[in-house]
Amino acid sequence: MSRAFQGVGAAGLTIAVVAIISIEYRDRIEKMFGIQQTLSGMAMIIGPVIGLILFKIGGFSCIFYVLSGVFFSGLVFLIFVLPKDKPEVITKEQVSWKILMSVKVIEI
C-alpha cells in the first residue's frame, strides 16, 4: 500500500515541477527543463549510494529519519523561496481542443 502512495506522490511531484518551471521560467524554459532532468538522473544514481551509507550507519530506520528531516527542511525552504501564485497565465494565442486534438500521432 505504501508503494502505491509513493507512486502517486512521485507522479504528482513530476507534474508540479513541470507546471512550476513552465510558469516561472517562460523565458528560459529549455535550460530549466535540462537542469531538472539532469538533477533527476543524478538523483537516481546517487540516491541508492546514499541509502546504503545511511543503512550501514544506522540501520533501516535511519534512512527514513534522515530523509524526513531533509524533506521537511526543503518544505520550509520552498515556502519562503517560491513566489506567490499568479492569478492567471497570459498566452499570446488561444488554444482550443480542436488544435490540441489535431496533433498527428505516429503509430508503430
PDB file of N, CA and C in Angstrom:
ATOM      1  N   MET A   1       0.821  -1.190   0.000  1.00  0.00           N
ATOM      2  CA  MET A   1       0.000   0.000   0.000  1.00  0.00           C
ATOM      3  C   MET A   1       0.869   1.260   0.000  1.00  0.00           C
ATOM      4  N   SER A   2       1.970   1.232   0.738  1.00  0.00           N
ATOM      5  CA  SER A   2       2.831   2.410   0.784  1.00  0.00           C
ATOM      6  C   SER A   2       3.485   2.675  -0.570  1.00  0.00           C
ATOM      7  N   ARG A   3       3.750   1.630  -1.349  1.00  0.00           N
ATOM      8  CA  ARG A   3       4.321   1.814  -2.685  1.00  0.00           C
ATOM      9  C   ARG A   3       3.329   2.523  -3.609  1.00  0.00           C
ATOM     10  N   ALA A   4       2.030   2.260  -3.413  1.00  0.00           N
ATOM     11  CA  ALA A   4       1.010   2.944  -4.216  1.00  0.00           C
ATOM     12  C   ALA A   4       1.016   4.432  -3.900  1.00  0.00           C
ATOM     13  N   PHE A   5       1.077   4.780  -2.620  1.00  0.00           N
ATOM     14  CA  PHE A   5       1.138   6.196  -2.240  1.00  0.00           C
ATOM     15  C   PHE A   5       2.421   6.842  -2.750  1.00  0.00           C
ATOM     16  N   GLN A   6       3.503   6.090  -2.731  1.00  0.00           N
ATOM     17  CA  GLN A   6       4.770   6.613  -3.237  1.00  0.00           C
ATOM     18  C   GLN A   6       4.667   6.901  -4.735  1.00  0.00           C
ATOM     19  N   GLY A   7       4.024   6.020  -5.473  1.00  0.00           N
ATOM     20  CA  GLY A   7       3.842   6.234  -6.909  1.00  0.00           C
ATOM     21  C   GLY A   7       2.979   7.438  -7.214  1.00  0.00           C
ATOM     22  N   VAL A   8       1.894   7.593  -6.471  1.00  0.00           N
ATOM     23  CA  VAL A   8       1.022   8.752  -6.665  1.00  0.00           C
ATOM     24  C   VAL A   8       1.775  10.037  -6.325  1.00  0.00           C
ATOM     25  N   GLY A   9       2.543  10.015  -5.252  1.00  0.00           N
ATOM     26  CA  GLY A   9       3.331  11.186  -4.876  1.00  0.00           C
ATOM     27  C   GLY A   9       4.379  11.539  -5.914  1.00  0.00           C
ATOM     28  N   ALA A  10       5.044  10.534  -6.464  1.00  0.00           N
ATOM     29  CA  ALA A  10       6.058  10.783  -7.491  1.00  0.00           C
ATOM     30  C   ALA A  10       5.432  11.365  -8.751  1.00  0.00           C
ATOM     31  N   ALA A  11       4.259  10.858  -9.128  1.00  0.00           N
ATOM     32  CA  ALA A  11       3.570  11.402 -10.305  1.00  0.00           C
ATOM     33  C   ALA A  11       3.151  12.840 -10.054  1.00  0.00           C
ATOM     34  N   GLY A  12       2.652  13.118  -8.872  1.00  0.00           N
ATOM     35  CA  GLY A  12       2.257  14.487  -8.538  1.00  0.00           C
ATOM     36  C   GLY A  12       3.442  15.426  -8.495  1.00  0.00           C
ATOM     37  N   LEU A  13       4.575  14.935  -8.010  1.00  0.00           N
ATOM     38  CA  LEU A  13       5.776  15.761  -7.960  1.00  0.00           C
ATOM     39  C   LEU A  13       6.239  16.135  -9.359  1.00  0.00           C
ATOM     40  N   THR A  14       6.218  15.171 -10.268  1.00  0.00           N
ATOM     41  CA  THR A  14       6.641  15.439 -11.636  1.00  0.00           C
ATOM     42  C   THR A  14       5.746  16.482 -12.287  1.00  0.00           C
ATOM     43  N   ILE A  15       4.446  16.356 -12.105  1.00  0.00           N
ATOM     44  CA  ILE A  15       3.511  17.318 -12.682  1.00  0.00           C
ATOM     45  C   ILE A  15       3.721  18.702 -12.070  1.00  0.00           C
ATOM     46  N   ALA A  16       3.925  18.763 -10.767  1.00  0.00           N
ATOM     47  CA  ALA A  16       4.137  20.049 -10.102  1.00  0.00           C
ATOM     48  C   ALA A  16       5.404  20.733 -10.592  1.00  0.00           C
ATOM     49  N   VAL A  17       6.477  19.967 -10.747  1.00  0.00           N
ATOM     50  CA  VAL A  17       7.744  20.540 -11.210  1.00  0.00           C
ATOM     51  C   VAL A  17       7.595  21.091 -12.621  1.00  0.00           C
ATOM     52  N   VAL A  18       6.946  20.343 -13.504  1.00  0.00           N
ATOM     53  CA  VAL A  18       6.739  20.816 -14.877  1.00  0.00           C
ATOM     54  C   VAL A  18       5.887  22.081 -14.882  1.00  0.00           C
ATOM     55  N   ALA A  19       4.839  22.120 -14.067  1.00  0.00           N
ATOM     56  CA  ALA A  19       3.981  23.307 -14.007  1.00  0.00           C
ATOM     57  C   ALA A  19       4.736  24.524 -13.487  1.00  0.00           C
ATOM     58  N   ILE A  20       5.503  24.345 -12.432  1.00  0.00           N
ATOM     59  CA  ILE A  20       6.246  25.469 -11.856  1.00  0.00           C
ATOM     60  C   ILE A  20       7.290  25.992 -12.837  1.00  0.00           C
ATOM     61  N   ILE A  21       8.017  25.090 -13.475  1.00  0.00           N
ATOM     62  CA  ILE A  21       9.045  25.519 -14.431  1.00  0.00           C
ATOM     63  C   ILE A  21       8.413  26.241 -15.611  1.00  0.00           C
ATOM     64  N   SER A  22       7.326  25.701 -16.145  1.00  0.00           N
ATOM     65  CA  SER A  22       6.735  26.308 -17.334  1.00  0.00           C
ATOM     66  C   SER A  22       6.077  27.655 -17.043  1.00  0.00           C
ATOM     67  N   ILE A  23       5.682  27.909 -15.805  1.00  0.00           N
ATOM     68  CA  ILE A  23       5.079  29.205 -15.474  1.00  0.00           C
ATOM     69  C   ILE A  23       6.138  30.221 -15.047  1.00  0.00           C
ATOM     70  N   GLU A  24       7.069  29.804 -14.208  1.00  0.00           N
ATOM     71  CA  GLU A  24       8.031  30.746 -13.633  1.00  0.00           C
ATOM     72  C   GLU A  24       9.216  31.062 -14.536  1.00  0.00           C
ATOM     73  N   TYR A  25       9.552  30.162 -15.451  1.00  0.00           N
ATOM     74  CA  TYR A  25      10.756  30.339 -16.271  1.00  0.00           C
ATOM     75  C   TYR A  25      10.414  30.313 -17.747  1.00  0.00           C
ATOM     76  N   ARG A  26       9.417  31.071 -18.164  1.00  0.00           N
ATOM     77  CA  ARG A  26       8.994  31.066 -19.573  1.00  0.00           C
ATOM     78  C   ARG A  26      10.115  31.491 -20.518  1.00  0.00           C
ATOM     79  N   ASP A  27      10.944  32.419 -20.104  1.00  0.00           N
ATOM     80  CA  ASP A  27      11.974  32.944 -20.995  1.00  0.00           C
ATOM     81  C   ASP A  27      13.166  32.003 -21.164  1.00  0.00           C
ATOM     82  N   ARG A  28      13.349  31.078 -20.257  1.00  0.00           N
ATOM     83  CA  ARG A  28      14.470  30.125 -20.358  1.00  0.00           C
ATOM     84  C   ARG A  28      14.016  28.717 -19.971  1.00  0.00           C
ATOM     85  N   ILE A  29      12.889  28.309 -20.506  1.00  0.00           N
ATOM     86  CA  ILE A  29      12.261  27.048 -20.130  1.00  0.00           C
ATOM     87  C   ILE A  29      13.117  25.843 -20.527  1.00  0.00           C
ATOM     88  N   GLU A  30      13.793  25.907 -21.683  1.00  0.00           N
ATOM     89  CA  GLU A  30      14.608  24.773 -22.128  1.00  0.00           C
ATOM     90  C   GLU A  30      15.758  24.509 -21.164  1.00  0.00           C
ATOM     91  N   LYS A  31      16.399  25.577 -20.728  1.00  0.00           N
ATOM     92  CA  LYS A  31      17.522  25.436 -19.797  1.00  0.00           C
ATOM     93  C   LYS A  31      17.058  24.846 -18.467  1.00  0.00           C
ATOM     94  N   MET A  32      15.916  25.324 -17.966  1.00  0.00           N
ATOM     95  CA  MET A  32      15.408  24.834 -16.680  1.00  0.00           C
ATOM     96  C   MET A  32      14.975  23.367 -16.754  1.00  0.00           C
ATOM     97  N   PHE A  33      14.345  22.976 -17.865  1.00  0.00           N
ATOM     98  CA  PHE A  33      13.990  21.564 -18.018  1.00  0.00           C
ATOM     99  C   PHE A  33      15.238  20.701 -18.131  1.00  0.00           C
ATOM    100  N   GLY A  34      16.271  21.215 -18.772  1.00  0.00           N
ATOM    101  CA  GLY A  34      17.530  20.474 -18.851  1.00  0.00           C
ATOM    102  C   GLY A  34      18.156  20.278 -17.482  1.00  0.00           C
ATOM    103  N   ILE A  35      18.149  21.333 -16.672  1.00  0.00           N
ATOM    104  CA  ILE A  35      18.683  21.234 -15.308  1.00  0.00           C
ATOM    105  C   ILE A  35      17.862  20.253 -14.485  1.00  0.00           C
ATOM    106  N   GLN A  36      16.526  20.319 -14.622  1.00  0.00           N
ATOM    107  CA  GLN A  36      15.649  19.432 -13.859  1.00  0.00           C
ATOM    108  C   GLN A  36      15.881  17.969 -14.236  1.00  0.00           C
ATOM    109  N   GLN A  37      16.018  17.696 -15.521  1.00  0.00           N
ATOM    110  CA  GLN A  37      16.242  16.318 -15.960  1.00  0.00           C
ATOM    111  C   GLN A  37      17.629  15.817 -15.555  1.00  0.00           C
ATOM    112  N   THR A  38      18.610  16.693 -15.597  1.00  0.00           N
ATOM    113  CA  THR A  38      19.955  16.315 -15.158  1.00  0.00           C
ATOM    114  C   THR A  38      19.969  15.960 -13.678  1.00  0.00           C
ATOM    115  N   LEU A  39      19.320  16.787 -12.865  1.00  0.00           N
ATOM    116  CA  LEU A  39      19.269  16.515 -11.430  1.00  0.00           C
ATOM    117  C   LEU A  39      18.469  15.251 -11.125  1.00  0.00           C
ATOM    118  N   SER A  40      17.423  14.988 -11.896  1.00  0.00           N
ATOM    119  CA  SER A  40      16.659  13.750 -11.705  1.00  0.00           C
ATOM    120  C   SER A  40      17.525  12.531 -11.993  1.00  0.00           C
ATOM    121  N   GLY A  41      18.272  12.592 -13.070  1.00  0.00           N
ATOM    122  CA  GLY A  41      19.163  11.479 -13.402  1.00  0.00           C
ATOM    123  C   GLY A  41      20.254  11.277 -12.365  1.00  0.00           C
ATOM    124  N   MET A  42      20.829  12.375 -11.894  1.00  0.00           N
ATOM    125  CA  MET A  42      21.863  12.273 -10.861  1.00  0.00           C
ATOM    126  C   MET A  42      21.287  11.705  -9.567  1.00  0.00           C
ATOM    127  N   ALA A  43      20.060  12.091  -9.240  1.00  0.00           N
ATOM    128  CA  ALA A  43      19.431  11.588  -8.017  1.00  0.00           C
ATOM    129  C   ALA A  43      19.210  10.078  -8.092  1.00  0.00           C
ATOM    130  N   MET A  44      18.856   9.582  -9.277  1.00  0.00           N
ATOM    131  CA  MET A  44      18.661   8.135  -9.432  1.00  0.00           C
ATOM    132  C   MET A  44      19.963   7.367  -9.316  1.00  0.00           C
ATOM    133  N   ILE A  45      21.062   8.011  -9.615  1.00  0.00           N
ATOM    134  CA  ILE A  45      22.364   7.361  -9.489  1.00  0.00           C
ATOM    135  C   ILE A  45      22.894   7.468  -8.062  1.00  0.00           C
ATOM    136  N   ILE A  46      22.815   8.649  -7.479  1.00  0.00           N
ATOM    137  CA  ILE A  46      23.410   8.904  -6.167  1.00  0.00           C
ATOM    138  C   ILE A  46      22.525   8.408  -5.021  1.00  0.00           C
ATOM    139  N   GLY A  47      21.195   8.401  -5.219  1.00  0.00           N
ATOM    140  CA  GLY A  47      20.259   8.018  -4.163  1.00  0.00           C
ATOM    141  C   GLY A  47      20.528   6.662  -3.532  1.00  0.00           C
ATOM    142  N   PRO A  48      20.685   5.603  -4.322  1.00  0.00           N
ATOM    143  CA  PRO A  48      20.962   4.304  -3.718  1.00  0.00           C
ATOM    144  C   PRO A  48      22.281   4.244  -2.940  1.00  0.00           C
ATOM    145  N   VAL A  49      23.272   4.994  -3.395  1.00  0.00           N
ATOM    146  CA  VAL A  49      24.551   5.026  -2.688  1.00  0.00           C
ATOM    147  C   VAL A  49      24.384   5.683  -1.319  1.00  0.00           C
ATOM    148  N   ILE A  50      23.675   6.805  -1.281  1.00  0.00           N
ATOM    149  CA  ILE A  50      23.428   7.475  -0.007  1.00  0.00           C
ATOM    150  C   ILE A  50      22.584   6.593   0.901  1.00  0.00           C
ATOM    151  N   GLY A  51      21.572   5.908   0.323  1.00  0.00           N
ATOM    152  CA  GLY A  51      20.749   4.992   1.110  1.00  0.00           C
ATOM    153  C   GLY A  51      21.571   3.873   1.724  1.00  0.00           C
ATOM    154  N   LEU A  52      22.519   3.338   0.976  1.00  0.00           N
ATOM    155  CA  LEU A  52      23.388   2.279   1.505  1.00  0.00           C
ATOM    156  C   LEU A  52      24.250   2.799   2.648  1.00  0.00           C
ATOM    157  N   ILE A  53      24.796   3.992   2.483  1.00  0.00           N
ATOM    158  CA  ILE A  53      25.625   4.574   3.542  1.00  0.00           C
ATOM    159  C   ILE A  53      24.802   4.791   4.809  1.00  0.00           C
ATOM    160  N   LEU A  54      23.594   5.350   4.658  1.00  0.00           N
ATOM    161  CA  LEU A  54      22.733   5.556   5.819  1.00  0.00           C
ATOM    162  C   LEU A  54      22.325   4.230   6.467  1.00  0.00           C
ATOM    163  N   PHE A  55      22.106   3.214   5.657  1.00  0.00           N
ATOM    164  CA  PHE A  55      21.760   1.891   6.189  1.00  0.00           C
ATOM    165  C   PHE A  55      22.913   1.314   7.005  1.00  0.00           C
ATOM    166  N   LYS A  56      24.124   1.478   6.495  1.00  0.00           N
ATOM    167  CA  LYS A  56      25.295   0.975   7.223  1.00  0.00           C
ATOM    168  C   LYS A  56      25.521   1.727   8.529  1.00  0.00           C
ATOM    169  N   ILE A  57      25.205   3.020   8.542  1.00  0.00           N
ATOM    170  CA  ILE A  57      25.421   3.833   9.741  1.00  0.00           C
ATOM    171  C   ILE A  57      24.396   3.532  10.819  1.00  0.00           C
ATOM    172  N   GLY A  58      23.089   3.551  10.451  1.00  0.00           N
ATOM    173  CA  GLY A  58      22.068   3.467  11.487  1.00  0.00           C
ATOM    174  C   GLY A  58      20.976   2.452  11.262  1.00  0.00           C
ATOM    175  N   GLY A  59      21.115   1.607  10.273  1.00  0.00           N
ATOM    176  CA  GLY A  59      20.085   0.614  10.028  1.00  0.00           C
ATOM    177  C   GLY A  59      18.985   1.139   9.124  1.00  0.00           C
ATOM    178  N   PHE A  60      17.954   0.317   8.983  1.00  0.00           N
ATOM    179  CA  PHE A  60      16.881   0.613   8.041  1.00  0.00           C
ATOM    180  C   PHE A  60      16.117   1.878   8.400  1.00  0.00           C
ATOM    181  N   SER A  61      15.870   2.108   9.661  1.00  0.00           N
ATOM    182  CA  SER A  61      15.082   3.277  10.063  1.00  0.00           C
ATOM    183  C   SER A  61      15.854   4.586   9.908  1.00  0.00           C
ATOM    184  N   CYS A  62      17.161   4.544   9.900  1.00  0.00           N
ATOM    185  CA  CYS A  62      17.975   5.747   9.754  1.00  0.00           C
ATOM    186  C   CYS A  62      17.688   6.448   8.427  1.00  0.00           C
ATOM    187  N   ILE A  63      17.449   5.670   7.384  1.00  0.00           N
ATOM    188  CA  ILE A  63      17.138   6.243   6.069  1.00  0.00           C
ATOM    189  C   ILE A  63      15.901   7.124   6.163  1.00  0.00           C
ATOM    190  N   PHE A  64      14.864   6.631   6.827  1.00  0.00           N
ATOM    191  CA  PHE A  64      13.609   7.369   6.906  1.00  0.00           C
ATOM    192  C   PHE A  64      13.724   8.601   7.794  1.00  0.00           C
ATOM    193  N   TYR A  65      14.470   8.490   8.885  1.00  0.00           N
ATOM    194  CA  TYR A  65      14.653   9.648   9.758  1.00  0.00           C
ATOM    195  C   TYR A  65      15.410  10.767   9.053  1.00  0.00           C
ATOM    196  N   VAL A  66      16.470  10.422   8.363  1.00  0.00           N
ATOM    197  CA  VAL A  66      17.273  11.433   7.669  1.00  0.00           C
ATOM    198  C   VAL A  66      16.476  12.063   6.535  1.00  0.00           C
ATOM    199  N   LEU A  67      15.809  11.244   5.726  1.00  0.00           N
ATOM    200  CA  LEU A  67      15.055  11.786   4.603  1.00  0.00           C
ATOM    201  C   LEU A  67      13.848  12.594   5.061  1.00  0.00           C
ATOM    202  N   SER A  68      13.244  12.227   6.180  1.00  0.00           N
ATOM    203  CA  SER A  68      12.144  13.038   6.714  1.00  0.00           C
ATOM    204  C   SER A  68      12.643  14.430   7.077  1.00  0.00           C
ATOM    205  N   GLY A  69      13.810  14.513   7.692  1.00  0.00           N
ATOM    206  CA  GLY A  69      14.403  15.806   8.015  1.00  0.00           C
ATOM    207  C   GLY A  69      14.750  16.610   6.771  1.00  0.00           C
ATOM    208  N   VAL A  70      15.288  15.940   5.763  1.00  0.00           N
ATOM    209  CA  VAL A  70      15.646  16.622   4.520  1.00  0.00           C
ATOM    210  C   VAL A  70      14.392  17.165   3.832  1.00  0.00           C
ATOM    211  N   PHE A  71      13.351  16.346   3.735  1.00  0.00           N
ATOM    212  CA  PHE A  71      12.127  16.781   3.067  1.00  0.00           C
ATOM    213  C   PHE A  71      11.436  17.894   3.837  1.00  0.00           C
ATOM    214  N   PHE A  72      11.413  17.820   5.161  1.00  0.00           N
ATOM    215  CA  PHE A  72      10.789  18.876   5.951  1.00  0.00           C
ATOM    216  C   PHE A  72      11.568  20.182   5.807  1.00  0.00           C
ATOM    217  N   SER A  73      12.891  20.099   5.819  1.00  0.00           N
ATOM    218  CA  SER A  73      13.711  21.300   5.616  1.00  0.00           C
ATOM    219  C   SER A  73      13.462  21.889   4.232  1.00  0.00           C
ATOM    220  N   GLY A  74      13.341  21.035   3.228  1.00  0.00           N
ATOM    221  CA  GLY A  74      13.046  21.502   1.875  1.00  0.00           C
ATOM    222  C   GLY A  74      11.691  22.173   1.783  1.00  0.00           C
ATOM    223  N   LEU A  75      10.704  21.633   2.492  1.00  0.00           N
ATOM    224  CA  LEU A  75       9.374  22.233   2.509  1.00  0.00           C
ATOM    225  C   LEU A  75       9.419  23.639   3.102  1.00  0.00           C
ATOM    226  N   VAL A  76      10.087  23.786   4.230  1.00  0.00           N
ATOM    227  CA  VAL A  76      10.199  25.094   4.869  1.00  0.00           C
ATOM    228  C   VAL A  76      10.940  26.064   3.948  1.00  0.00           C
ATOM    229  N   PHE A  77      11.998  25.587   3.305  1.00  0.00           N
ATOM    230  CA  PHE A  77      12.764  26.411   2.373  1.00  0.00           C
ATOM    231  C   PHE A  77      11.887  26.881   1.207  1.00  0.00           C
ATOM    232  N   LEU A  78      11.111  25.961   0.624  1.00  0.00           N
ATOM    233  CA  LEU A  78      10.280  26.307  -0.526  1.00  0.00           C
ATOM    234  C   LEU A  78       9.148  27.267  -0.173  1.00  0.00           C
ATOM    235  N   ILE A  79       8.649  27.186   1.037  1.00  0.00           N
ATOM    236  CA  ILE A  79       7.591  28.109   1.445  1.00  0.00           C
ATOM    237  C   ILE A  79       8.080  29.549   1.348  1.00  0.00           C
ATOM    238  N   PHE A  80       9.333  29.778   1.658  1.00  0.00           N
ATOM    239  CA  PHE A  80       9.869  31.131   1.629  1.00  0.00           C
ATOM    240  C   PHE A  80      10.477  31.511   0.280  1.00  0.00           C
ATOM    241  N   VAL A  81      10.887  30.540  -0.525  1.00  0.00           N
ATOM    242  CA  VAL A  81      11.573  30.836  -1.778  1.00  0.00           C
ATOM    243  C   VAL A  81      10.620  30.951  -2.961  1.00  0.00           C
ATOM    244  N   LEU A  82       9.627  30.069  -3.057  1.00  0.00           N
ATOM    245  CA  LEU A  82       8.732  30.100  -4.212  1.00  0.00           C
ATOM    246  C   LEU A  82       7.921  31.393  -4.206  1.00  0.00           C
ATOM    247  N   PRO A  83       7.794  32.013  -5.376  1.00  0.00           N
ATOM    248  CA  PRO A  83       6.987  33.238  -5.439  1.00  0.00           C
ATOM    249  C   PRO A  83       5.496  32.910  -5.301  1.00  0.00           C
ATOM    250  N   LYS A  84       4.710  33.938  -5.002  1.00  0.00           N
ATOM    251  CA  LYS A  84       3.264  33.761  -4.885  1.00  0.00           C
ATOM    252  C   LYS A  84       2.685  33.366  -6.242  1.00  0.00           C
ATOM    253  N   ASP A  85       1.572  32.661  -6.208  1.00  0.00           N
ATOM    254  CA  ASP A  85       0.904  32.260  -7.445  1.00  0.00           C
ATOM    255  C   ASP A  85       0.432  33.483  -8.217  1.00  0.00           C
ATOM    256  N   LYS A  86       0.523  33.376  -9.532  1.00  0.00           N
ATOM    257  CA  LYS A  86      -0.022  34.419 -10.392  1.00  0.00           C
ATOM    258  C   LYS A  86      -1.494  34.086 -10.640  1.00  0.00           C
ATOM    259  N   PRO A  87      -2.355  35.086 -10.679  1.00  0.00           N
ATOM    260  CA  PRO A  87      -3.775  34.783 -10.826  1.00  0.00           C
ATOM    261  C   PRO A  87      -4.119  34.093 -12.138  1.00  0.00           C
ATOM    262  N   GLU A  88      -3.413  34.411 -13.206  1.00  0.00           N
ATOM    263  CA  GLU A  88      -3.666  33.747 -14.475  1.00  0.00           C
ATOM    264  C   GLU A  88      -2.421  33.821 -15.332  1.00  0.00           C
ATOM    265  N   VAL A  89      -2.329  32.894 -16.259  1.00  0.00           N
ATOM    266  CA  VAL A  89      -1.223  32.889 -17.193  1.00  0.00           C
ATOM    267  C   VAL A  89      -1.725  33.478 -18.506  1.00  0.00           C
ATOM    268  N   ILE A  90      -1.038  34.475 -18.982  1.00  0.00           N
ATOM    269  CA  ILE A  90      -1.446  35.128 -20.222  1.00  0.00           C
ATOM    270  C   ILE A  90      -0.705  34.474 -21.379  1.00  0.00           C
ATOM    271  N   THR A  91      -1.453  33.978 -22.343  1.00  0.00           N
ATOM    272  CA  THR A  91      -0.856  33.369 -23.524  1.00  0.00           C
ATOM    273  C   THR A  91      -1.023  34.306 -24.709  1.00  0.00           C
ATOM    274  N   LYS A  92      -0.182  34.150 -25.691  1.00  0.00           N
ATOM    275  CA  LYS A  92      -0.231  35.023 -26.860  1.00  0.00           C
ATOM    276  C   LYS A  92      -1.352  34.635 -27.822  1.00  0.00           C
ATOM    277  N   GLU A  93      -1.699  33.367 -27.848  1.00  0.00           N
ATOM    278  CA  GLU A  93      -2.755  32.937 -28.746  1.00  0.00           C
ATOM    279  C   GLU A  93      -3.669  31.948 -28.034  1.00  0.00           C
ATOM    280  N   GLN A  94      -4.881  31.882 -28.478  1.00  0.00           N
ATOM    281  CA  GLN A  94      -5.860  30.992 -27.875  1.00  0.00           C
ATOM    282  C   GLN A  94      -5.567  29.545 -28.267  1.00  0.00           C
ATOM    283  N   VAL A  95      -5.740  28.646 -27.323  1.00  0.00           N
ATOM    284  CA  VAL A  95      -5.566  27.222 -27.582  1.00  0.00           C
ATOM    285  C   VAL A  95      -6.910  26.552 -27.371  1.00  0.00           C
ATOM    286  N   SER A  96      -7.331  25.780 -28.348  1.00  0.00           N
ATOM    287  CA  SER A  96      -8.614  25.095 -28.241  1.00  0.00           C
ATOM    288  C   SER A  96      -8.395  23.590 -28.311  1.00  0.00           C
ATOM    289  N   TRP A  97      -9.414  22.847 -27.962  1.00  0.00           N
ATOM    290  CA  TRP A  97      -9.342  21.386 -28.031  1.00  0.00           C
ATOM    291  C   TRP A  97      -9.126  20.930 -29.466  1.00  0.00           C
ATOM    292  N   LYS A  98      -9.691  21.664 -30.407  1.00  0.00           N
ATOM    293  CA  LYS A  98      -9.536  21.298 -31.815  1.00  0.00           C
ATOM    294  C   LYS A  98      -8.063  21.330 -32.223  1.00  0.00           C
ATOM    295  N   ILE A  99      -7.343  22.356 -31.774  1.00  0.00           N
ATOM    296  CA  ILE A  99      -5.913  22.453 -32.083  1.00  0.00           C
ATOM    297  C   ILE A  99      -5.143  21.337 -31.384  1.00  0.00           C
ATOM    298  N   LEU A 100      -5.470  21.089 -30.113  1.00  0.00           N
ATOM    299  CA  LEU A 100      -4.758  20.045 -29.370  1.00  0.00           C
ATOM    300  C   LEU A 100      -4.988  18.663 -29.964  1.00  0.00           C
ATOM    301  N   MET A 101      -6.208  18.400 -30.427  1.00  0.00           N
ATOM    302  CA  MET A 101      -6.525  17.078 -30.961  1.00  0.00           C
ATOM    303  C   MET A 101      -6.064  16.899 -32.391  1.00  0.00           C
ATOM    304  N   SER A 102      -5.607  17.968 -33.059  1.00  0.00           N
ATOM    305  CA  SER A 102      -5.154  17.863 -34.438  1.00  0.00           C
ATOM    306  C   SER A 102      -3.694  17.440 -34.563  1.00  0.00           C
ATOM    307  N   VAL A 103      -3.030  17.214 -33.437  1.00  0.00           N
ATOM    308  CA  VAL A 103      -1.634  16.777 -33.473  1.00  0.00           C
ATOM    309  C   VAL A 103      -1.574  15.362 -34.027  1.00  0.00           C
ATOM    310  N   LYS A 104      -0.718  15.173 -34.988  1.00  0.00           N
ATOM    311  CA  LYS A 104      -0.602  13.860 -35.635  1.00  0.00           C
ATOM    312  C   LYS A 104       0.217  12.931 -34.752  1.00  0.00           C
ATOM    313  N   VAL A 105      -0.234  11.688 -34.628  1.00  0.00           N
ATOM    314  CA  VAL A 105       0.423  10.691 -33.810  1.00  0.00           C
ATOM    315  C   VAL A 105       1.017   9.634 -34.728  1.00  0.00           C
ATOM    316  N   ILE A 106       2.246   9.260 -34.455  1.00  0.00           N
ATOM    317  CA  ILE A 106       2.903   8.211 -35.243  1.00  0.00           C
ATOM    318  C   ILE A 106       2.604   6.870 -34.593  1.00  0.00           C
ATOM    319  N   GLU A 107       2.062   5.963 -35.357  1.00  0.00           N
ATOM    320  CA  GLU A 107       1.763   4.624 -34.841  1.00  0.00           C
ATOM    321  C   GLU A 107       2.829   3.659 -35.309  1.00  0.00           C
ATOM    322  N   ILE A 108       3.213   2.771 -34.422  1.00  0.00           N
ATOM    323  CA  ILE A 108       4.242   1.776 -34.759  1.00  0.00           C
ATOM    324  C   ILE A 108       3.562   0.452 -35.017  1.00  0.00           C
TER     325      ILE A 108
END
